[in-house]
């Protein structure tokens, strides 16, 4: 049986979150583009234009949030995981610091 470490678990969780974030960003981009097409095709109907602007706005907000989450996951991967495994920052006590 393969030995599973905390670093492997954390890395797998971060990879899953990153993949789901990428999928969500693709869906948000689709809604943004769908809103633009809908806005252009229904330029004569005011209620449809308002609905299209809401779709565009929701798509942009979702893209911004998902890209921010993606960046946060990458930051966590870079700061917590290195070649030697899990790298959790710790505070040194005054005795350990040599004071």
Protein backbone atom coordinates (compact mmCIF):
# COMPACT_ATOMS: atom_id res chain seq x y z
CA UNK A 1 0.00 0.00 0.00
CA UNK A 2 1.28 3.44 -0.93
CA UNK A 3 2.24 5.76 1.92
CA UNK A 4 0.18 8.97 1.72
CA UNK A 5 1.63 12.11 3.29
CA UNK A 6 -0.02 15.36 4.25
CA UNK A 7 1.83 17.11 1.45
CA UNK A 8 0.29 14.74 -1.10
CA UNK A 9 -3.18 15.33 0.32
CA UNK A 10 -2.75 19.12 0.32
CA UNK A 11 -1.33 19.07 -3.20
CA UNK A 12 -4.21 16.95 -4.49
CA UNK A 13 -6.80 19.22 -2.88
CA UNK A 14 -5.16 22.31 -4.39
CA UNK A 15 -5.02 20.68 -7.84
CA UNK A 16 -8.72 19.77 -7.63
CA UNK A 17 -9.63 23.34 -6.61
CA UNK A 18 -7.49 24.72 -9.43
CA UNK A 19 -9.15 22.46 -12.00
CA UNK A 20 -12.64 23.33 -10.77
CA UNK A 21 -11.72 27.01 -10.87
CA UNK A 22 -10.57 26.66 -14.48
CA UNK A 23 -13.81 24.95 -15.39
CA UNK A 24 -15.80 27.67 -13.63
CA UNK A 25 -13.83 30.36 -15.46
CA UNK A 26 -14.68 28.70 -18.78
CA UNK A 27 -18.38 28.70 -17.87
CA UNK A 28 -18.20 32.35 -16.77
CA UNK A 29 -16.49 33.28 -20.02
CA UNK A 30 -19.23 31.48 -21.94
CA UNK A 31 -21.93 33.47 -20.09
CA UNK A 32 -20.04 36.72 -20.72
CA UNK A 33 -19.79 36.03 -24.45
CA UNK A 34 -23.38 34.76 -24.54
CA UNK A 35 -24.50 38.05 -22.95
CA UNK A 36 -22.64 40.06 -25.60
CA UNK A 37 -24.19 38.06 -28.44
CA UNK A 38 -27.62 38.38 -26.83
CA UNK A 39 -27.13 42.14 -26.43
CA UNK A 40 -26.16 42.55 -30.09
CA UNK A 41 -28.99 40.41 -31.43
CA UNK A 42 -31.70 42.04 -29.28
CA UNK A 43 -30.63 45.66 -29.65
CA UNK A 44 -34.19 46.77 -30.43
CA UNK A 45 -35.80 45.34 -27.25
CA UNK A 46 -35.06 47.29 -24.04
CA UNK A 47 -35.96 44.51 -21.61
CA UNK A 48 -33.76 42.01 -23.47
CA UNK A 49 -30.90 44.53 -23.48
CA UNK A 50 -31.23 44.96 -19.71
CA UNK A 51 -31.22 41.18 -19.27
CA UNK A 52 -28.16 40.94 -21.51
CA UNK A 53 -26.29 43.58 -19.52
CA UNK A 54 -27.02 41.63 -16.32
CA UNK A 55 -25.66 38.45 -17.93
CA UNK A 56 -22.52 40.30 -19.03
CA UNK A 57 -22.07 41.78 -15.56
CA UNK A 58 -22.51 38.43 -13.80
CA UNK A 59 -20.07 36.83 -16.21
CA UNK A 60 -17.43 39.50 -15.56
CA UNK A 61 -17.84 39.32 -11.79
CA UNK A 62 -17.61 35.53 -11.87
CA UNK A 63 -14.48 35.71 -14.05
CA UNK A 64 -12.85 38.16 -11.66
CA UNK A 65 -13.64 36.06 -8.59
CA UNK A 66 -12.52 32.80 -10.21
CA UNK A 67 -9.26 34.27 -11.48
CA UNK A 68 -8.60 35.64 -7.98
CA UNK A 69 -9.23 32.17 -6.50
CA UNK A 70 -6.97 30.64 -9.13
CA UNK A 71 -4.22 33.07 -8.15
CA UNK A 72 -4.75 32.29 -4.47
CA UNK A 73 -4.43 28.56 -5.13
CA UNK A 74 -1.20 29.13 -7.07
CA UNK A 75 0.10 31.29 -4.22
CA UNK A 76 -0.71 28.55 -1.72
CA UNK A 77 0.97 25.95 -3.92
CA UNK A 78 4.12 28.04 -4.22
CA UNK A 79 4.28 28.96 -0.53
CA UNK A 80 3.20 25.70 1.12
CA UNK A 81 4.60 23.09 -1.23
CA UNK A 82 8.18 22.87 -2.36
CA UNK A 83 10.39 20.04 -3.59
CA UNK A 84 10.80 18.62 -0.08
CA UNK A 85 7.07 18.40 0.61
CA UNK A 86 4.80 20.39 2.88
CA UNK A 87 6.44 23.63 3.97
CA UNK A 88 4.28 25.19 6.70
CA UNK A 89 5.78 28.41 8.09
CA UNK A 90 6.39 28.20 11.84
CA UNK A 91 7.37 30.68 14.52
CA UNK A 92 10.61 30.06 16.37
CA UNK A 93 10.61 30.29 20.12
CA UNK A 94 13.03 32.63 21.85
CA UNK A 95 15.10 29.63 23.04
CA UNK A 96 15.33 28.15 19.55
CA UNK A 97 16.31 31.51 18.06
CA UNK A 98 19.32 31.66 20.42
CA UNK A 99 18.16 34.49 22.66
